[in-house]
């Protein structure tokens, strides 16, 4: 799942669903984990999905 809501991404992580947190300039930082990755642009999303 890709979302820009930190609370939604945190819920996904808590439920062991892999999430990509698309953080904006004002968004809070979230700690990376097995189920949560933070990105800042679509290029990063592309590279993550390409690795899967």
N, C-alpha and C. Protein backbone atom coordinates (compact mmCIF):
# COMPACT_ATOMS: atom_id res chain seq x y z
N UNK A 1 0.84 -1.16 0.00
CA UNK A 1 0.00 0.00 0.00
C UNK A 1 0.89 1.24 0.00
N UNK A 2 0.50 2.23 -0.75
CA UNK A 2 1.20 3.51 -0.77
C UNK A 2 0.23 4.57 -0.27
N UNK A 3 0.65 5.34 0.73
CA UNK A 3 -0.23 6.36 1.29
C UNK A 3 0.60 7.51 1.84
N UNK A 4 -0.03 8.68 1.96
CA UNK A 4 0.66 9.84 2.52
C UNK A 4 0.18 10.17 3.93
N UNK A 5 -0.66 9.32 4.48
CA UNK A 5 -1.16 9.52 5.84
C UNK A 5 -0.30 8.70 6.81
N UNK A 6 0.41 9.38 7.72
CA UNK A 6 1.25 8.63 8.67
C UNK A 6 0.45 7.69 9.56
N UNK A 7 -0.75 8.08 9.96
CA UNK A 7 -1.54 7.21 10.84
C UNK A 7 -2.01 5.96 10.10
N UNK A 8 -2.38 6.11 8.84
CA UNK A 8 -2.80 4.95 8.05
C UNK A 8 -1.64 4.00 7.84
N UNK A 9 -0.47 4.54 7.51
CA UNK A 9 0.71 3.70 7.30
C UNK A 9 1.12 2.99 8.58
N UNK A 10 1.00 3.67 9.71
CA UNK A 10 1.33 3.07 11.01
C UNK A 10 0.37 1.92 11.31
N UNK A 11 -0.92 2.10 11.00
CA UNK A 11 -1.90 1.03 11.21
C UNK A 11 -1.58 -0.17 10.33
N UNK A 12 -1.19 0.09 9.09
CA UNK A 12 -0.82 -0.99 8.18
C UNK A 12 0.37 -1.77 8.75
N UNK A 13 1.37 -1.03 9.23
CA UNK A 13 2.55 -1.66 9.82
C UNK A 13 2.16 -2.50 11.04
N UNK A 14 1.31 -1.96 11.90
CA UNK A 14 0.87 -2.69 13.10
C UNK A 14 0.15 -3.98 12.75
N UNK A 15 -0.52 -4.00 11.59
CA UNK A 15 -1.26 -5.18 11.14
C UNK A 15 -0.45 -6.05 10.17
N UNK A 16 0.87 -5.78 10.12
CA UNK A 16 1.81 -6.54 9.29
C UNK A 16 1.46 -6.51 7.81
N UNK A 17 1.04 -5.34 7.35
CA UNK A 17 0.79 -5.10 5.93
C UNK A 17 1.87 -4.14 5.47
N UNK A 18 2.56 -4.49 4.39
CA UNK A 18 3.65 -3.64 3.91
C UNK A 18 3.09 -2.33 3.37
N UNK A 19 3.71 -1.23 3.79
CA UNK A 19 3.25 0.09 3.40
C UNK A 19 4.43 0.97 2.99
N UNK A 20 4.18 1.81 2.02
CA UNK A 20 5.14 2.83 1.61
C UNK A 20 4.53 4.17 2.00
N UNK A 21 5.20 4.85 2.89
CA UNK A 21 4.74 6.15 3.39
C UNK A 21 5.34 7.25 2.52
N UNK A 22 4.50 7.93 1.77
CA UNK A 22 4.93 9.02 0.90
C UNK A 22 4.88 10.31 1.73
N UNK A 23 6.03 10.66 2.31
CA UNK A 23 6.10 11.80 3.22
C UNK A 23 6.25 13.10 2.46
N UNK A 24 5.40 14.05 2.75
CA UNK A 24 5.50 15.38 2.17
C UNK A 24 6.45 16.25 2.98
N UNK A 25 6.58 17.51 2.60
CA UNK A 25 7.53 18.39 3.28
C UNK A 25 7.16 18.60 4.76
N UNK A 26 5.90 18.58 5.06
CA UNK A 26 5.47 18.83 6.44
C UNK A 26 5.12 17.56 7.20
N UNK A 27 5.22 16.42 6.53
CA UNK A 27 4.86 15.16 7.18
C UNK A 27 5.89 14.73 8.21
N UNK A 28 5.42 14.07 9.26
CA UNK A 28 6.35 13.58 10.28
C UNK A 28 7.15 12.40 9.77
N UNK A 29 8.35 12.23 10.29
CA UNK A 29 9.18 11.08 9.93
C UNK A 29 8.70 9.86 10.70
N UNK A 30 8.70 8.72 10.01
CA UNK A 30 8.37 7.46 10.66
C UNK A 30 9.58 6.54 10.56
N UNK A 31 9.76 5.72 11.56
CA UNK A 31 10.90 4.82 11.60
C UNK A 31 10.69 3.65 10.63
N UNK A 32 11.71 3.36 9.84
CA UNK A 32 11.66 2.26 8.88
C UNK A 32 11.60 0.94 9.61
N UNK A 33 10.83 0.01 9.05
CA UNK A 33 10.74 -1.33 9.62
C UNK A 33 10.56 -2.34 8.48
N UNK A 34 10.34 -3.58 8.87
CA UNK A 34 10.11 -4.64 7.88
C UNK A 34 8.85 -4.35 7.06
N UNK A 35 7.89 -3.65 7.66
CA UNK A 35 6.61 -3.40 7.01
C UNK A 35 6.38 -1.94 6.60
N UNK A 36 7.33 -1.06 6.86
CA UNK A 36 7.14 0.36 6.57
C UNK A 36 8.40 0.97 5.99
N UNK A 37 8.25 1.62 4.84
CA UNK A 37 9.34 2.32 4.19
C UNK A 37 8.87 3.73 3.88
N UNK A 38 9.71 4.71 4.15
CA UNK A 38 9.38 6.12 3.89
C UNK A 38 10.06 6.57 2.60
N UNK A 39 9.31 7.27 1.75
CA UNK A 39 9.86 7.80 0.50
C UNK A 39 9.48 9.27 0.37
N UNK A 40 10.20 9.96 -0.52
CA UNK A 40 9.93 11.38 -0.75
C UNK A 40 9.54 11.70 -2.19
N UNK A 41 9.70 10.73 -3.10
CA UNK A 41 9.35 10.99 -4.50
C UNK A 41 8.99 9.68 -5.20
N UNK A 42 8.41 9.81 -6.39
CA UNK A 42 7.95 8.64 -7.14
C UNK A 42 9.10 7.79 -7.65
N UNK A 43 10.27 8.38 -7.85
CA UNK A 43 11.44 7.61 -8.26
C UNK A 43 11.80 6.57 -7.22
N UNK A 44 11.72 6.94 -5.94
CA UNK A 44 12.01 6.00 -4.86
C UNK A 44 10.97 4.88 -4.83
N UNK A 45 9.71 5.23 -5.06
CA UNK A 45 8.64 4.22 -5.10
C UNK A 45 8.94 3.22 -6.21
N UNK A 46 9.29 3.74 -7.38
CA UNK A 46 9.61 2.88 -8.53
C UNK A 46 10.74 1.92 -8.20
N UNK A 47 11.81 2.41 -7.59
CA UNK A 47 12.95 1.56 -7.25
C UNK A 47 12.58 0.47 -6.24
N UNK A 48 11.75 0.81 -5.27
CA UNK A 48 11.30 -0.17 -4.27
C UNK A 48 10.47 -1.26 -4.94
N UNK A 49 9.53 -0.85 -5.78
CA UNK A 49 8.67 -1.84 -6.44
C UNK A 49 9.45 -2.69 -7.44
N UNK A 50 10.45 -2.13 -8.04
CA UNK A 50 11.27 -2.87 -8.99
C UNK A 50 12.06 -3.98 -8.30
N UNK A 51 12.44 -3.77 -7.04
CA UNK A 51 13.22 -4.74 -6.27
C UNK A 51 12.38 -5.94 -5.84
N UNK A 52 11.08 -5.77 -5.75
CA UNK A 52 10.20 -6.85 -5.23
C UNK A 52 10.06 -7.97 -6.21
